[in-house]
N, C-alpha and C. Protein backbone atom coordinates (compact mmCIF):
# COMPACT_ATOMS: atom_id res chain seq x y z
N MET A 1 -1.74 18.90 -5.06
CA MET A 1 -1.97 19.76 -3.94
C MET A 1 -2.44 21.10 -4.31
N ARG A 2 -3.47 21.73 -3.79
CA ARG A 2 -3.92 23.02 -3.98
C ARG A 2 -3.92 23.83 -2.71
N LEU A 3 -3.66 25.15 -2.87
CA LEU A 3 -3.52 26.02 -1.68
C LEU A 3 -4.81 26.79 -1.66
N PHE A 4 -5.52 26.99 -0.34
CA PHE A 4 -6.59 27.60 -0.34
C PHE A 4 -6.50 28.65 0.79
N ARG A 5 -7.44 29.80 0.77
CA ARG A 5 -7.21 30.75 1.85
C ARG A 5 -7.67 30.47 3.10
N SER A 6 -8.55 29.38 3.26
CA SER A 6 -9.11 28.92 4.49
C SER A 6 -9.53 27.30 4.39
N GLU A 7 -9.64 26.74 5.41
CA GLU A 7 -10.10 25.26 5.58
C GLU A 7 -11.50 25.27 5.02
N GLU A 8 -12.41 26.28 5.29
CA GLU A 8 -13.73 26.31 4.82
C GLU A 8 -13.80 26.42 3.20
N HIS A 9 -12.97 27.24 2.64
CA HIS A 9 -12.83 27.39 1.31
C HIS A 9 -12.30 26.17 0.58
N ALA A 10 -11.31 25.50 1.16
CA ALA A 10 -11.03 24.13 0.58
C ALA A 10 -12.12 23.17 0.68
N ARG A 11 -12.91 23.12 1.59
CA ARG A 11 -13.98 22.13 1.89
C ARG A 11 -14.98 22.35 0.97
N ARG A 12 -15.28 23.68 0.78
CA ARG A 12 -16.35 24.11 -0.28
C ARG A 12 -15.92 23.73 -1.66
N TRP A 13 -14.80 24.10 -1.95
CA TRP A 13 -14.34 23.71 -3.40
C TRP A 13 -14.28 22.33 -3.60
N SER A 14 -13.97 21.51 -2.65
CA SER A 14 -13.91 20.00 -2.91
C SER A 14 -15.43 19.54 -3.03
N LYS A 15 -16.38 20.01 -2.26
CA LYS A 15 -17.72 19.63 -2.33
C LYS A 15 -18.37 19.99 -3.55
N GLU A 16 -18.10 21.25 -4.06
CA GLU A 16 -18.75 21.67 -5.17
C GLU A 16 -18.29 20.78 -6.49
N ARG A 17 -17.33 20.11 -6.42
CA ARG A 17 -16.61 19.30 -7.39
C ARG A 17 -16.82 17.88 -7.32
N GLY A 18 -17.68 17.38 -6.03
CA GLY A 18 -17.76 16.12 -5.72
C GLY A 18 -16.47 15.24 -5.47
N LEU A 19 -15.52 15.94 -4.86
CA LEU A 19 -14.25 15.33 -4.48
C LEU A 19 -13.99 15.00 -3.08
N ALA A 20 -13.47 13.74 -2.88
CA ALA A 20 -13.17 13.66 -1.43
C ALA A 20 -11.87 14.28 -1.15
N SER A 21 -11.71 14.80 0.13
CA SER A 21 -10.65 15.74 0.43
C SER A 21 -10.24 15.83 1.88
N ASP A 22 -9.05 16.19 2.16
CA ASP A 22 -8.65 16.38 3.51
C ASP A 22 -7.94 17.66 3.48
N VAL A 23 -7.94 18.53 4.58
CA VAL A 23 -7.07 19.64 4.78
C VAL A 23 -5.83 19.28 5.54
N LEU A 24 -4.66 19.65 4.95
CA LEU A 24 -3.41 19.39 5.38
C LEU A 24 -2.83 20.88 5.82
N THR A 25 -2.65 21.00 7.02
CA THR A 25 -2.05 22.39 7.45
C THR A 25 -0.54 22.39 7.04
N LEU A 26 -0.02 23.65 6.95
CA LEU A 26 1.32 23.69 6.78
C LEU A 26 2.30 23.08 7.83
N ASP A 27 1.68 23.11 9.04
CA ASP A 27 2.36 22.58 10.29
C ASP A 27 2.46 21.01 9.93
N GLN A 28 1.25 20.40 9.48
CA GLN A 28 1.17 19.13 9.43
C GLN A 28 2.10 18.54 8.15
N ALA A 29 2.01 19.34 7.05
CA ALA A 29 2.86 18.96 5.92
C ALA A 29 4.38 19.03 6.31
N ALA A 30 4.84 19.99 7.01
CA ALA A 30 6.26 19.99 7.51
C ALA A 30 6.60 18.83 8.31
N ARG A 31 5.78 18.57 9.46
CA ARG A 31 6.02 17.40 10.13
C ARG A 31 5.86 16.01 9.40
N LEU A 32 5.06 15.93 8.49
CA LEU A 32 5.01 14.68 7.74
C LEU A 32 6.26 14.68 6.78
N ALA A 33 6.56 15.67 6.21
CA ALA A 33 7.92 15.67 5.38
C ALA A 33 9.07 15.27 6.30
N HIS A 34 9.13 15.98 7.46
CA HIS A 34 10.37 15.64 8.35
C HIS A 34 10.35 14.20 8.75
N ALA A 35 9.21 13.64 9.21
CA ALA A 35 9.10 12.40 9.72
C ALA A 35 9.43 11.30 8.36
N TRP A 36 8.84 11.63 7.26
CA TRP A 36 8.77 10.76 6.17
C TRP A 36 10.37 10.69 5.56
N TYR A 37 11.05 11.85 5.62
CA TYR A 37 12.32 11.86 5.04
C TYR A 37 13.56 11.86 5.81
N GLN A 38 13.38 11.97 7.05
CA GLN A 38 14.42 12.08 8.15
C GLN A 38 15.57 11.13 7.86
N SER A 39 15.37 9.88 7.55
CA SER A 39 16.34 8.85 7.41
C SER A 39 16.53 8.54 6.04
N LYS A 40 16.17 9.32 5.08
CA LYS A 40 16.21 8.80 3.84
C LYS A 40 17.67 8.57 3.18
N LEU A 41 18.67 9.36 3.80
CA LEU A 41 20.00 9.27 3.26
C LEU A 41 20.87 8.24 4.02
N ALA A 42 20.25 7.71 5.05
CA ALA A 42 20.92 6.64 5.92
C ALA A 42 21.17 5.40 5.01
N ALA A 43 22.40 4.71 5.21
CA ALA A 43 22.86 3.50 4.37
C ALA A 43 21.80 2.56 4.60
N ASP A 44 21.14 2.29 5.84
CA ASP A 44 20.16 1.24 5.96
C ASP A 44 18.70 1.66 5.86
N TRP A 45 18.48 2.73 5.06
CA TRP A 45 17.08 3.22 4.87
C TRP A 45 16.31 2.27 4.12
N ARG A 46 14.97 2.14 4.40
CA ARG A 46 14.14 1.33 3.84
C ARG A 46 12.69 2.12 3.75
N ARG A 47 12.10 1.42 2.69
CA ARG A 47 10.70 2.24 2.46
C ARG A 47 9.78 1.96 3.70
N HIS A 48 8.85 2.97 4.15
CA HIS A 48 7.99 2.70 5.12
C HIS A 48 6.94 1.65 4.77
N THR A 49 6.66 0.83 5.70
CA THR A 49 5.61 -0.25 5.36
C THR A 49 4.28 0.39 5.42
N ALA A 50 3.26 -0.02 4.95
CA ALA A 50 1.84 0.48 4.88
C ALA A 50 1.42 0.71 6.42
N ASP A 51 1.71 -0.19 7.33
CA ASP A 51 1.33 0.09 8.68
C ASP A 51 2.10 1.11 9.35
N GLU A 52 3.39 1.25 9.00
CA GLU A 52 4.20 2.40 9.48
C GLU A 52 3.70 3.74 8.98
N ALA A 53 3.30 3.72 7.72
CA ALA A 53 2.92 4.95 7.02
C ALA A 53 1.47 5.44 7.80
N GLN A 54 0.58 4.29 7.96
CA GLN A 54 -0.70 4.58 8.52
C GLN A 54 -0.54 5.21 9.92
N ALA A 55 0.50 4.63 10.76
CA ALA A 55 0.70 5.13 12.12
C ALA A 55 1.20 6.39 12.04
N LEU A 56 2.13 6.86 11.09
CA LEU A 56 2.64 8.12 10.97
C LEU A 56 1.53 9.20 10.67
N PHE A 57 0.67 8.89 9.67
CA PHE A 57 -0.52 9.60 9.34
C PHE A 57 -1.38 9.83 10.60
N ALA A 58 -1.78 8.82 11.26
CA ALA A 58 -2.51 8.95 12.62
C ALA A 58 -1.92 9.75 13.55
N SER A 59 -0.47 9.72 13.73
CA SER A 59 0.14 10.66 14.80
C SER A 59 0.21 12.05 14.40
N LEU A 60 -0.05 12.44 13.23
CA LEU A 60 -0.23 13.80 12.68
C LEU A 60 -1.76 14.22 12.72
N GLY A 61 -2.64 13.34 13.14
CA GLY A 61 -4.03 13.83 13.05
C GLY A 61 -4.69 13.80 11.76
N LEU A 62 -3.96 13.11 10.77
CA LEU A 62 -4.86 13.19 9.43
C LEU A 62 -5.89 12.16 9.40
N ASP A 63 -6.89 12.56 8.53
CA ASP A 63 -8.30 11.79 8.44
C ASP A 63 -7.97 10.35 8.10
N PRO A 64 -8.10 9.22 8.76
CA PRO A 64 -7.74 8.05 8.41
C PRO A 64 -8.63 7.54 7.35
N ASP A 65 -9.66 8.04 7.06
CA ASP A 65 -10.51 7.63 5.72
C ASP A 65 -9.88 8.14 4.68
N PHE A 66 -9.52 9.34 4.51
CA PHE A 66 -8.93 9.81 3.36
C PHE A 66 -7.38 9.33 3.19
N TRP A 67 -6.69 9.18 4.28
CA TRP A 67 -5.23 8.86 4.15
C TRP A 67 -5.11 7.32 4.16
N ARG A 68 -6.07 6.43 3.98
CA ARG A 68 -5.91 5.00 4.17
C ARG A 68 -5.17 4.51 2.87
N LEU A 69 -4.21 3.64 3.19
CA LEU A 69 -3.53 3.04 2.01
C LEU A 69 -3.88 1.81 1.59
N ARG A 70 -4.79 1.11 2.28
CA ARG A 70 -5.19 -0.14 1.94
C ARG A 70 -6.75 -0.12 1.65
């Protein structure tokens, strides 16, 4: 993870280096962390399936091409 001063700066940095990228806002990161770990301490916790993870990423508005698991 890298922090940038703006979305434009992040996209320019990635493009200059020929890297695929997506910008994750602090709000999205917080919502992702909450959704991902909210039941981690439950006795019946289980790992998210790929489909569940994809649905979570989509619900947060993350780029489906960049965040694809399969």
